[in-house]
Amino acid sequence: MNTKFKHVLSSFVFMSGLFIMALGFVFMIQAKIGVAPWDVLHLGLVSTVGWTVGIWSQLLGLILLVITIVLTRRMMGIGAFLNMFFLGFFIDLIMSWGWIHEASSLVESGLWFVMGLVISCFGTGMYIAPGWGAGPRDGFMLALAERTQWPFRRVRTIMEMAVLVLGWVLGGPVFIGTVIFCLTVGPICQYFIGLWKRILDKAIGRDADYENINQRTLRINHHDGTSRAVR
């Protein structure tokens, strides 16, 4: 397959994945029954300071990218910078369209949340499959794990708990959806990452053992990759 076409296809899948992830996050926000830990912080900052979810996602992502580069003395991949900017941009764009209204009943809240969870995981599989690198939050947590020599799971747990508590103190929504997200997002993302990796491998003739990102336990935080291999 032509190299240029492979690059165009990978770029399309990556950017489409970011947009679809953002769509899923908007559904979960509008469900009003709790969101992922990082979104709890974003929404807490919105309620306390102002601005938008997308802007806070971008600002925190940029700060974490800078800190990660300082800690590791390595430049992050292009995927991290694209993730940092476009996830926030797409979230605000979709919110501005007004297509997804706030849930007005318990049934609608449940439907919105489940749709958001599945859609965001589907988008995560698309965004991770091209192998363009980790998002800013996972990159930062991996850098902390390398610096402290702690297991990555410990760093991730401490970091996300801290983010969750801080977001809750600032007024972010912590409810049943937050618990459901934390318990289910890993397996769902693992399935879609493996699916999209196989699709992309077949489409562009990529080596079958590229990155092995679907061979280990996976998770997702607010707008990042889920496999340790890509962080």
C-alpha atoms as a PDB file:
ATOM      1  CA  MET A   1       0.000   0.000   0.000  1.00  0.00           C
ATOM      2  CA  ASN A   2       1.188   3.502  -0.817  1.00  0.00           C
ATOM      3  CA  THR A   3       2.963   5.115   2.145  1.00  0.00           C
ATOM      4  CA  LYS A   4       1.148   8.396   1.694  1.00  0.00           C
ATOM      5  CA  PHE A   5      -2.222   6.632   1.742  1.00  0.00           C
ATOM      6  CA  LYS A   6      -1.238   4.786   4.916  1.00  0.00           C
ATOM      7  CA  HIS A   7      -0.414   8.087   6.594  1.00  0.00           C
ATOM      8  CA  VAL A   8      -3.665   9.679   5.443  1.00  0.00           C
ATOM      9  CA  LEU A   9      -5.673   6.694   6.670  1.00  0.00           C
ATOM     10  CA  SER A  10      -3.897   6.644  10.043  1.00  0.00           C
ATOM     11  CA  SER A  11      -4.439  10.389  10.421  1.00  0.00           C
ATOM     12  CA  PHE A  12      -8.138  10.044   9.589  1.00  0.00           C
ATOM     13  CA  VAL A  13      -8.612   7.219  12.093  1.00  0.00           C
ATOM     14  CA  PHE A  14      -6.706   9.109  14.805  1.00  0.00           C
ATOM     15  CA  MET A  15      -8.613  12.381  14.397  1.00  0.00           C
ATOM     16  CA  SER A  16     -11.951  10.617  14.010  1.00  0.00           C
ATOM     17  CA  GLY A  17     -11.211   8.768  17.218  1.00  0.00           C
ATOM     18  CA  LEU A  18     -10.625  12.024  19.076  1.00  0.00           C
ATOM     19  CA  PHE A  19     -13.920  13.438  17.792  1.00  0.00           C
ATOM     20  CA  ILE A  20     -15.884  10.312  18.688  1.00  0.00           C
ATOM     21  CA  MET A  21     -14.292  10.245  22.147  1.00  0.00           C
ATOM     22  CA  ALA A  22     -15.342  13.843  22.660  1.00  0.00           C
ATOM     23  CA  LEU A  23     -18.878  12.948  21.579  1.00  0.00           C
ATOM     24  CA  GLY A  24     -18.976  10.192  24.175  1.00  0.00           C
ATOM     25  CA  PHE A  25     -17.702  12.488  26.907  1.00  0.00           C
ATOM     26  CA  VAL A  26     -20.420  15.041  26.088  1.00  0.00           C
ATOM     27  CA  PHE A  27     -23.090  12.354  26.386  1.00  0.00           C
ATOM     28  CA  MET A  28     -21.749  11.390  29.828  1.00  0.00           C
ATOM     29  CA  ILE A  29     -21.572  15.012  30.956  1.00  0.00           C
ATOM     30  CA  GLN A  30     -25.152  15.616  29.848  1.00  0.00           C
ATOM     31  CA  ALA A  31     -26.334  12.447  31.591  1.00  0.00           C
ATOM     32  CA  LYS A  32     -25.868  14.270  34.915  1.00  0.00           C
ATOM     33  CA  ILE A  33     -25.159  11.130  36.954  1.00  0.00           C
ATOM     34  CA  GLY A  34     -21.410  11.509  37.423  1.00  0.00           C
ATOM     35  CA  VAL A  35     -18.409  11.484  35.126  1.00  0.00           C
ATOM     36  CA  ALA A  36     -14.842  10.179  34.922  1.00  0.00           C
ATOM     37  CA  PRO A  37     -12.313  11.436  37.527  1.00  0.00           C
ATOM     38  CA  TRP A  38     -10.597  13.912  35.202  1.00  0.00           C
ATOM     39  CA  ASP A  39     -13.952  15.282  34.062  1.00  0.00           C
ATOM     40  CA  VAL A  40     -14.952  15.714  37.687  1.00  0.00           C
ATOM     41  CA  LEU A  41     -11.949  18.042  37.976  1.00  0.00           C
ATOM     42  CA  HIS A  42     -12.711  19.832  34.683  1.00  0.00           C
ATOM     43  CA  LEU A  43     -16.329  20.434  35.648  1.00  0.00           C
ATOM     44  CA  GLY A  44     -15.303  21.475  39.160  1.00  0.00           C
ATOM     45  CA  LEU A  45     -13.024  24.100  37.660  1.00  0.00           C
ATOM     46  CA  VAL A  46     -15.812  25.260  35.342  1.00  0.00           C
ATOM     47  CA  SER A  47     -18.192  25.707  38.286  1.00  0.00           C
ATOM     48  CA  THR A  48     -15.554  27.471  40.399  1.00  0.00           C
ATOM     49  CA  VAL A  49     -13.586  29.570  37.926  1.00  0.00           C
ATOM     50  CA  GLY A  50     -15.605  29.587  34.710  1.00  0.00           C
ATOM     51  CA  TRP A  51     -14.569  28.985  31.100  1.00  0.00           C
ATOM     52  CA  THR A  52     -15.466  25.657  29.477  1.00  0.00           C
ATOM     53  CA  VAL A  53     -14.751  21.956  29.915  1.00  0.00           C
ATOM     54  CA  GLY A  54     -12.748  21.953  26.692  1.00  0.00           C
ATOM     55  CA  ILE A  55     -10.561  24.878  27.716  1.00  0.00           C
ATOM     56  CA  TRP A  56      -9.769  23.297  31.087  1.00  0.00           C
ATOM     57  CA  SER A  57      -8.999  20.004  29.364  1.00  0.00           C
ATOM     58  CA  GLN A  58      -6.547  21.819  27.093  1.00  0.00           C
ATOM     59  CA  LEU A  59      -4.932  23.872  29.860  1.00  0.00           C
ATOM     60  CA  LEU A  60      -4.411  20.946  32.213  1.00  0.00           C
ATOM     61  CA  GLY A  61      -3.190  18.811  29.318  1.00  0.00           C
ATOM     62  CA  LEU A  62      -0.651  21.460  28.339  1.00  0.00           C
ATOM     63  CA  ILE A  63       0.594  21.805  31.922  1.00  0.00           C
ATOM     64  CA  LEU A  64       0.998  18.032  32.223  1.00  0.00           C
ATOM     65  CA  LEU A  65       2.824  17.857  28.886  1.00  0.00           C
ATOM     66  CA  VAL A  66       5.329  20.485  30.016  1.00  0.00           C
ATOM     67  CA  ILE A  67       5.881  18.760  33.367  1.00  0.00           C
ATOM     68  CA  THR A  68       6.326  15.393  31.632  1.00  0.00           C
ATOM     69  CA  ILE A  69       8.900  16.794  29.218  1.00  0.00           C
ATOM     70  CA  VAL A  70      10.823  18.309  32.149  1.00  0.00           C
ATOM     71  CA  LEU A  71      10.682  15.062  34.156  1.00  0.00           C
ATOM     72  CA  THR A  72      11.701  12.782  31.303  1.00  0.00           C
ATOM     73  CA  ARG A  73      13.839  15.227  29.303  1.00  0.00           C
ATOM     74  CA  ARG A  74      12.198  13.759  26.235  1.00  0.00           C
ATOM     75  CA  MET A  75       9.799  15.320  23.773  1.00  0.00           C
ATOM     76  CA  MET A  76       6.339  13.773  23.757  1.00  0.00           C
ATOM     77  CA  GLY A  77       4.965  12.274  20.565  1.00  0.00           C
ATOM     78  CA  ILE A  78       2.802  14.283  18.180  1.00  0.00           C
ATOM     79  CA  GLY A  79      -0.226  12.324  19.358  1.00  0.00           C
ATOM     80  CA  ALA A  80       0.057  13.834  22.841  1.00  0.00           C
ATOM     81  CA  PHE A  81      -0.108  17.401  21.495  1.00  0.00           C
ATOM     82  CA  LEU A  82      -2.947  16.630  19.103  1.00  0.00           C
ATOM     83  CA  ASN A  83      -4.827  14.927  21.928  1.00  0.00           C
ATOM     84  CA  MET A  84      -4.256  17.874  24.250  1.00  0.00           C
ATOM     85  CA  PHE A  85      -5.668  20.413  21.802  1.00  0.00           C
ATOM     86  CA  PHE A  86      -8.330  18.625  19.782  1.00  0.00           C
ATOM     87  CA  LEU A  87     -10.103  16.710  22.569  1.00  0.00           C
ATOM     88  CA  GLY A  88     -10.933  19.959  24.325  1.00  0.00           C
ATOM     89  CA  PHE A  89     -11.751  21.670  21.042  1.00  0.00           C
ATOM     90  CA  PHE A  90     -14.133  18.897  19.970  1.00  0.00           C
ATOM     91  CA  ILE A  91     -15.856  18.766  23.378  1.00  0.00           C
ATOM     92  CA  ASP A  92     -16.618  22.481  23.284  1.00  0.00           C
ATOM     93  CA  LEU A  93     -17.620  22.297  19.617  1.00  0.00           C
ATOM     94  CA  ILE A  94     -20.125  19.499  20.223  1.00  0.00           C
ATOM     95  CA  MET A  95     -21.476  21.232  23.332  1.00  0.00           C
ATOM     96  CA  SER A  96     -21.971  24.441  21.328  1.00  0.00           C
ATOM     97  CA  TRP A  97     -24.077  22.649  18.723  1.00  0.00           C
ATOM     98  CA  GLY A  98     -26.671  21.817  21.380  1.00  0.00           C
ATOM     99  CA  TRP A  99     -27.544  18.472  19.802  1.00  0.00           C
ATOM    100  CA  ILE A 100     -27.188  16.579  23.071  1.00  0.00           C
ATOM    101  CA  HIS A 101     -29.469  18.105  25.676  1.00  0.00           C
ATOM    102  CA  GLU A 102     -29.268  17.505  29.407  1.00  0.00           C
ATOM    103  CA  ALA A 103     -31.033  14.323  30.462  1.00  0.00           C
ATOM    104  CA  SER A 104     -34.505  15.087  31.790  1.00  0.00           C
ATOM    105  CA  SER A 105     -35.380  11.726  33.335  1.00  0.00           C
ATOM    106  CA  LEU A 106     -33.672   8.815  35.064  1.00  0.00           C
ATOM    107  CA  VAL A 107     -34.163   6.615  32.009  1.00  0.00           C
ATOM    108  CA  GLU A 108     -32.647   9.246  29.726  1.00  0.00           C
ATOM    109  CA  SER A 109     -29.749   9.746  32.138  1.00  0.00           C
ATOM    110  CA  GLY A 110     -28.982   6.036  32.068  1.00  0.00           C
ATOM    111  CA  LEU A 111     -29.269   5.893  28.282  1.00  0.00           C
ATOM    112  CA  TRP A 112     -27.077   8.960  27.776  1.00  0.00           C
ATOM    113  CA  PHE A 113     -24.424   7.605  30.131  1.00  0.00           C
ATOM    114  CA  VAL A 114     -24.263   4.119  28.606  1.00  0.00           C
ATOM    115  CA  MET A 115     -24.144   5.594  25.103  1.00  0.00           C
ATOM    116  CA  GLY A 116     -21.399   7.987  26.171  1.00  0.00           C
ATOM    117  CA  LEU A 117     -19.342   5.256  27.773  1.00  0.00           C
ATOM    118  CA  VAL A 118     -19.513   2.947  24.753  1.00  0.00           C
ATOM    119  CA  ILE A 119     -19.006   5.753  22.211  1.00  0.00           C
ATOM    120  CA  SER A 120     -15.990   7.150  24.074  1.00  0.00           C
ATOM    121  CA  CYS A 121     -14.417   3.689  24.282  1.00  0.00           C
ATOM    122  CA  PHE A 122     -15.089   3.130  20.578  1.00  0.00           C
ATOM    123  CA  GLY A 123     -13.324   6.418  19.847  1.00  0.00           C
ATOM    124  CA  THR A 124     -10.483   5.473  22.161  1.00  0.00           C
ATOM    125  CA  GLY A 125      -9.873   2.350  20.102  1.00  0.00           C
ATOM    126  CA  MET A 126      -9.658   4.463  16.952  1.00  0.00           C
ATOM    127  CA  TYR A 127      -7.357   7.050  18.519  1.00  0.00           C
ATOM    128  CA  ILE A 128      -4.977   4.492  20.049  1.00  0.00           C
ATOM    129  CA  ALA A 129      -4.764   2.102  17.074  1.00  0.00           C
ATOM    130  CA  PRO A 130      -2.514   4.265  14.835  1.00  0.00           C
ATOM    131  CA  GLY A 131       0.138   4.264  17.578  1.00  0.00           C
ATOM    132  CA  TRP A 132       0.741   7.998  17.684  1.00  0.00           C
ATOM    133  CA  GLY A 133       1.517   8.017  21.392  1.00  0.00           C
ATOM    134  CA  ALA A 134      -0.050   8.557  24.784  1.00  0.00           C
ATOM    135  CA  GLY A 135      -2.200  11.468  25.805  1.00  0.00           C
ATOM    136  CA  PRO A 136      -0.842  14.052  28.258  1.00  0.00           C
ATOM    137  CA  ARG A 137      -2.396  12.549  31.394  1.00  0.00           C
ATOM    138  CA  ASP A 138      -1.150   9.009  30.879  1.00  0.00           C
ATOM    139  CA  GLY A 139       2.231  10.314  29.762  1.00  0.00           C
ATOM    140  CA  PHE A 140       2.499  12.324  32.967  1.00  0.00           C
ATOM    141  CA  MET A 141       1.568   9.379  35.177  1.00  0.00           C
ATOM    142  CA  LEU A 142       4.071   7.135  33.413  1.00  0.00           C
ATOM    143  CA  ALA A 143       6.763   9.785  33.953  1.00  0.00           C
ATOM    144  CA  LEU A 144       5.920   9.846  37.678  1.00  0.00           C
ATOM    145  CA  ALA A 145       6.125   6.067  37.822  1.00  0.00           C
ATOM    146  CA  GLU A 146       9.548   6.132  36.188  1.00  0.00           C
ATOM    147  CA  ARG A 147      10.809   8.879  38.499  1.00  0.00           C
ATOM    148  CA  THR A 148       9.443   7.370  41.749  1.00  0.00           C
ATOM    149  CA  GLN A 149      10.077   3.740  40.754  1.00  0.00           C
ATOM    150  CA  TRP A 150       6.565   2.953  41.953  1.00  0.00           C
ATOM    151  CA  PRO A 151       4.345   0.505  40.059  1.00  0.00           C
ATOM    152  CA  PHE A 152       2.329   2.306  37.423  1.00  0.00           C
ATOM    153  CA  ARG A 153      -0.961   1.108  38.906  1.00  0.00           C
ATOM    154  CA  ARG A 154      -0.095   2.689  42.246  1.00  0.00           C
ATOM    155  CA  VAL A 155       0.777   6.023  40.643  1.00  0.00           C
ATOM    156  CA  ARG A 156      -2.388   5.922  38.546  1.00  0.00           C
ATOM    157  CA  THR A 157      -4.593   5.109  41.529  1.00  0.00           C
ATOM    158  CA  ILE A 158      -3.105   7.857  43.704  1.00  0.00           C
ATOM    159  CA  MET A 159      -3.248  10.403  40.893  1.00  0.00           C
ATOM    160  CA  GLU A 160      -6.824   9.691  39.881  1.00  0.00           C
ATOM    161  CA  MET A 161      -8.014   9.634  43.488  1.00  0.00           C
ATOM    162  CA  ALA A 162      -6.340  13.010  44.043  1.00  0.00           C
ATOM    163  CA  VAL A 163      -7.935  14.401  40.884  1.00  0.00           C
ATOM    164  CA  LEU A 164     -11.329  13.003  41.907  1.00  0.00           C
ATOM    165  CA  VAL A 165     -11.179  14.486  45.413  1.00  0.00           C
ATOM    166  CA  LEU A 166      -9.956  17.863  44.157  1.00  0.00           C
ATOM    167  CA  GLY A 167     -12.680  17.967  41.521  1.00  0.00           C
ATOM    168  CA  TRP A 168     -15.327  17.047  44.097  1.00  0.00           C
ATOM    169  CA  VAL A 169     -14.124  19.779  46.475  1.00  0.00           C
ATOM    170  CA  LEU A 170     -14.399  22.267  43.601  1.00  0.00           C
ATOM    171  CA  GLY A 171     -17.971  21.180  42.909  1.00  0.00           C
ATOM    172  CA  GLY A 172     -17.484  18.533  40.246  1.00  0.00           C
ATOM    173  CA  PRO A 173     -20.169  15.828  39.885  1.00  0.00           C
ATOM    174  CA  VAL A 174     -19.340  12.569  41.661  1.00  0.00           C
ATOM    175  CA  PHE A 175     -22.169  10.037  41.518  1.00  0.00           C
ATOM    176  CA  ILE A 176     -23.025   6.524  40.376  1.00  0.00           C
ATOM    177  CA  GLY A 177     -21.769   7.217  36.863  1.00  0.00           C
ATOM    178  CA  THR A 178     -18.279   7.861  38.237  1.00  0.00           C
ATOM    179  CA  VAL A 179     -18.231   4.426  39.869  1.00  0.00           C
ATOM    180  CA  ILE A 180     -19.626   2.714  36.761  1.00  0.00           C
ATOM    181  CA  PHE A 181     -17.032   4.434  34.588  1.00  0.00           C
ATOM    182  CA  CYS A 182     -14.113   3.352  36.770  1.00  0.00           C
ATOM    183  CA  LEU A 183     -15.321  -0.274  36.965  1.00  0.00           C
ATOM    184  CA  THR A 184     -16.243  -0.851  33.318  1.00  0.00           C
ATOM    185  CA  VAL A 185     -14.176   1.399  31.103  1.00  0.00           C
ATOM    186  CA  GLY A 186     -11.080  -0.823  31.074  1.00  0.00           C
ATOM    187  CA  PRO A 187     -12.650  -3.979  29.611  1.00  0.00           C
ATOM    188  CA  ILE A 188     -14.759  -2.016  27.114  1.00  0.00           C
ATOM    189  CA  CYS A 189     -11.756  -0.043  25.905  1.00  0.00           C
ATOM    190  CA  GLN A 190      -9.661  -3.192  25.716  1.00  0.00           C
ATOM    191  CA  TYR A 191     -12.161  -4.709  23.316  1.00  0.00           C
ATOM    192  CA  PHE A 192     -12.343  -1.667  21.032  1.00  0.00           C
ATOM    193  CA  ILE A 193      -8.580  -1.065  21.041  1.00  0.00           C
ATOM    194  CA  GLY A 194      -8.014  -4.654  19.947  1.00  0.00           C
ATOM    195  CA  LEU A 195     -10.751  -4.363  17.332  1.00  0.00           C
ATOM    196  CA  TRP A 196      -9.425  -1.153  15.808  1.00  0.00           C
ATOM    197  CA  LYS A 197      -5.857  -2.370  15.905  1.00  0.00           C
ATOM    198  CA  ARG A 198      -6.839  -5.438  13.882  1.00  0.00           C
ATOM    199  CA  ILE A 199      -8.827  -3.292  11.447  1.00  0.00           C
ATOM    200  CA  LEU A 200      -5.957  -0.868  10.933  1.00  0.00           C
ATOM    201  CA  ASP A 201      -3.347  -3.630  10.726  1.00  0.00           C
ATOM    202  CA  LYS A 202      -5.366  -5.277   7.977  1.00  0.00           C
ATOM    203  CA  ALA A 203      -6.082  -2.007   6.163  1.00  0.00           C
ATOM    204  CA  ILE A 204      -2.480  -0.818   5.956  1.00  0.00           C
ATOM    205  CA  GLY A 205      -0.648  -4.133   6.189  1.00  0.00           C
ATOM    206  CA  ARG A 206       1.043  -3.306   9.465  1.00  0.00           C
ATOM    207  CA  ASP A 207       3.050  -5.835  11.423  1.00  0.00           C
ATOM    208  CA  ALA A 208       0.631  -7.893  13.520  1.00  0.00           C
ATOM    209  CA  ASP A 209       2.550  -7.555  16.765  1.00  0.00           C
ATOM    210  CA  TYR A 210       2.772  -3.776  16.555  1.00  0.00           C
ATOM    211  CA  GLU A 211       2.712  -2.362  20.099  1.00  0.00           C
ATOM    212  CA  ASN A 212       0.770  -5.292  21.630  1.00  0.00           C
ATOM    213  CA  ILE A 213      -1.614  -2.761  23.128  1.00  0.00           C
ATOM    214  CA  ASN A 214      -4.503  -5.193  23.194  1.00  0.00           C
ATOM    215  CA  GLN A 215      -2.661  -7.897  25.111  1.00  0.00           C
ATOM    216  CA  ARG A 216      -2.720  -6.495  28.624  1.00  0.00           C
ATOM    217  CA  THR A 217      -5.077  -4.996  31.139  1.00  0.00           C
ATOM    218  CA  LEU A 218      -6.220  -1.615  29.919  1.00  0.00           C
ATOM    219  CA  ARG A 219      -7.917   1.429  31.304  1.00  0.00           C
ATOM    220  CA  ILE A 220      -8.820   4.932  30.251  1.00  0.00           C
ATOM    221  CA  ASN A 221      -8.729   8.154  32.119  1.00  0.00           C
ATOM    222  CA  HIS A 222     -10.586  11.427  30.721  1.00  0.00           C
ATOM    223  CA  HIS A 223      -9.150  11.901  27.192  1.00  0.00           C
ATOM    224  CA  ASP A 224      -6.047   9.475  27.094  1.00  0.00           C
ATOM    225  CA  GLY A 225      -4.813   6.164  25.876  1.00  0.00           C
ATOM    226  CA  THR A 226      -5.484   3.088  27.907  1.00  0.00           C
ATOM    227  CA  SER A 227      -2.633   0.683  27.431  1.00  0.00           C
ATOM    228  CA  ARG A 228       0.570   1.042  29.348  1.00  0.00           C
ATOM    229  CA  ALA A 229       2.400   0.195  26.132  1.00  0.00           C
ATOM    230  CA  VAL A 230       1.357   3.479  24.559  1.00  0.00           C
ATOM    231  CA  ARG A 231       2.031   5.738  27.506  1.00  0.00           C
END
